[in-house]
Amino acid sequence: QVQLMESGGGLVQPGGSLRLSCAASGFTFSLYGMSWYRQAPGKERELVATISAGGTTNYADFVEGRFTISRNNYLKKMYLQMNSLKPEDTAVYYCNAHNDRAYWGQGTQVTVSS
């Protein structure tokens, strides 16, 4: 059974940091590109960051150097380190795995508010 399970979300003040994790199982993790998406209320889901199977990373423009995506193929985990968080980063963050197929987690809530 394919599973992607996000964790690490929560409430943080502007300027704070969070580290999101995505634990994968049920597929060959090392062969899949991995991405973080997010969706705020009333907005479309948008790509935040991607890390390829080979480790190449890409970020959305709004990241502005604040986030770092990484993966550990031995642990079958993918991470998003988020620093200098802004209120506009508030969203549900989703883990995505992609190759010949695509899989999604259920999301973890990130709320940036004072």
Protein backbone atom coordinates (compact mmCIF):
# COMPACT_ATOMS: atom_id res chain seq x y z
CA GLN A 1 0.00 0.00 0.00
CA VAL A 2 1.43 3.33 -1.06
CA GLN A 3 1.61 5.87 1.71
CA LEU A 4 2.93 9.39 2.01
CA MET A 5 2.62 10.88 5.47
CA GLU A 6 3.44 14.50 6.16
CA SER A 7 4.36 15.77 9.59
CA GLY A 8 5.90 18.81 11.23
CA GLY A 9 3.27 21.40 10.52
CA GLY A 10 1.92 23.71 13.15
CA LEU A 11 1.54 27.27 14.30
CA VAL A 12 4.54 29.55 14.07
CA GLN A 13 5.08 33.29 14.32
CA PRO A 14 6.22 35.34 11.35
CA GLY A 15 9.95 34.98 10.95
CA GLY A 16 9.93 31.57 12.56
CA SER A 17 10.90 28.18 11.20
CA LEU A 18 9.36 24.78 10.65
CA ARG A 19 10.71 21.53 9.30
CA LEU A 20 8.24 19.38 7.39
CA SER A 21 8.80 15.69 6.83
CA CYS A 22 7.27 13.22 4.42
CA ALA A 23 7.60 9.52 5.13
CA ALA A 24 7.11 7.25 2.12
CA SER A 25 6.32 3.57 1.82
CA GLY A 26 4.93 1.11 -0.70
CA PHE A 27 6.96 2.18 -3.74
CA THR A 28 10.56 2.51 -4.87
CA PHE A 29 11.23 5.86 -3.27
CA SER A 30 14.70 6.35 -4.75
CA LEU A 31 13.33 6.28 -8.31
CA TYR A 32 10.79 9.02 -7.76
CA GLY A 33 11.08 12.73 -7.87
CA MET A 34 9.59 14.34 -4.80
CA SER A 35 7.84 17.65 -4.38
CA TRP A 36 6.17 19.83 -1.83
CA TYR A 37 2.97 21.58 -2.84
CA ARG A 38 0.79 23.89 -0.84
CA GLN A 39 -2.76 25.13 -0.97
CA ALA A 40 -4.19 28.09 0.87
CA PRO A 41 -7.94 28.60 1.34
CA GLY A 42 -9.55 29.87 -1.84
CA LYS A 43 -6.39 29.37 -3.89
CA GLU A 44 -5.14 26.73 -6.27
CA ARG A 45 -2.57 24.19 -5.20
CA GLU A 46 0.89 25.42 -6.11
CA LEU A 47 4.32 23.87 -6.35
CA VAL A 48 6.73 24.90 -3.60
CA ALA A 49 9.83 22.84 -4.30
CA THR A 50 11.00 19.75 -6.13
CA ILE A 51 13.90 17.37 -5.67
CA SER A 52 14.58 14.89 -8.44
CA ALA A 53 15.57 11.27 -8.01
CA GLY A 54 19.12 12.43 -8.67
CA GLY A 55 18.97 15.19 -6.08
CA THR A 56 18.48 18.22 -8.31
CA THR A 57 16.37 20.86 -6.58
CA ASN A 58 14.05 23.54 -7.86
CA TYR A 59 12.02 26.15 -6.00
CA ALA A 60 9.11 28.40 -6.68
CA ASP A 61 9.97 32.08 -6.97
CA PHE A 62 8.11 32.93 -3.78
CA VAL A 63 10.48 30.77 -1.75
CA GLU A 64 13.11 33.48 -2.16
CA GLY A 65 15.87 31.37 -0.69
CA ARG A 66 13.99 30.71 2.54
CA PHE A 67 13.27 27.00 2.09
CA THR A 68 15.43 23.95 1.51
CA ILE A 69 14.13 20.67 0.15
CA SER A 70 16.07 17.47 0.80
CA ARG A 71 15.64 13.73 0.79
CA ASN A 72 17.07 10.67 2.48
CA ASN A 73 16.62 7.60 0.31
CA TYR A 74 17.68 5.21 3.06
CA LEU A 75 15.02 6.50 5.42
CA LYS A 76 12.58 7.04 2.55
CA LYS A 77 11.90 10.53 3.77
CA MET A 78 11.71 13.94 2.19
CA TYR A 79 11.99 17.22 4.05
CA LEU A 80 11.25 20.88 3.70
CA GLN A 81 13.14 23.21 5.99
CA MET A 82 11.26 26.50 6.10
CA ASN A 83 12.83 29.61 7.57
CA SER A 84 11.77 33.24 7.71
CA LEU A 85 8.15 32.24 7.42
CA LYS A 86 5.57 34.78 6.35
CA PRO A 87 1.82 34.88 6.94
CA GLU A 88 1.32 34.24 3.23
CA ASP A 89 3.04 30.88 3.70
CA THR A 90 -0.03 29.72 5.60
CA ALA A 91 -1.42 26.70 3.75
CA VAL A 92 -1.83 22.98 3.81
CA TYR A 93 1.44 21.49 2.61
CA TYR A 94 1.32 18.29 0.59
CA CYS A 95 3.93 15.69 -0.20
CA ASN A 96 4.02 14.44 -3.79
CA ALA A 97 5.93 11.59 -5.41
CA HIS A 98 6.18 11.39 -9.17
CA ASN A 99 7.60 9.08 -11.80
CA ASP A 100 5.40 6.91 -14.00
CA ARG A 101 2.71 7.52 -11.42
CA ALA A 102 1.98 10.24 -8.92
CA TYR A 103 1.14 9.86 -5.26
CA TRP A 104 -0.08 12.38 -2.71
CA GLY A 105 -0.11 12.66 1.02
CA GLN A 106 -3.03 14.07 2.97
CA GLY A 107 -1.27 17.27 3.92
CA THR A 108 -0.11 19.05 7.04
CA GLN A 109 -1.30 22.47 8.13
CA VAL A 110 1.18 25.31 8.41
CA THR A 111 -0.11 28.48 10.01
CA VAL A 112 2.07 31.58 10.24
CA SER A 113 0.45 34.14 12.48
CA SER A 114 1.20 36.46 15.34
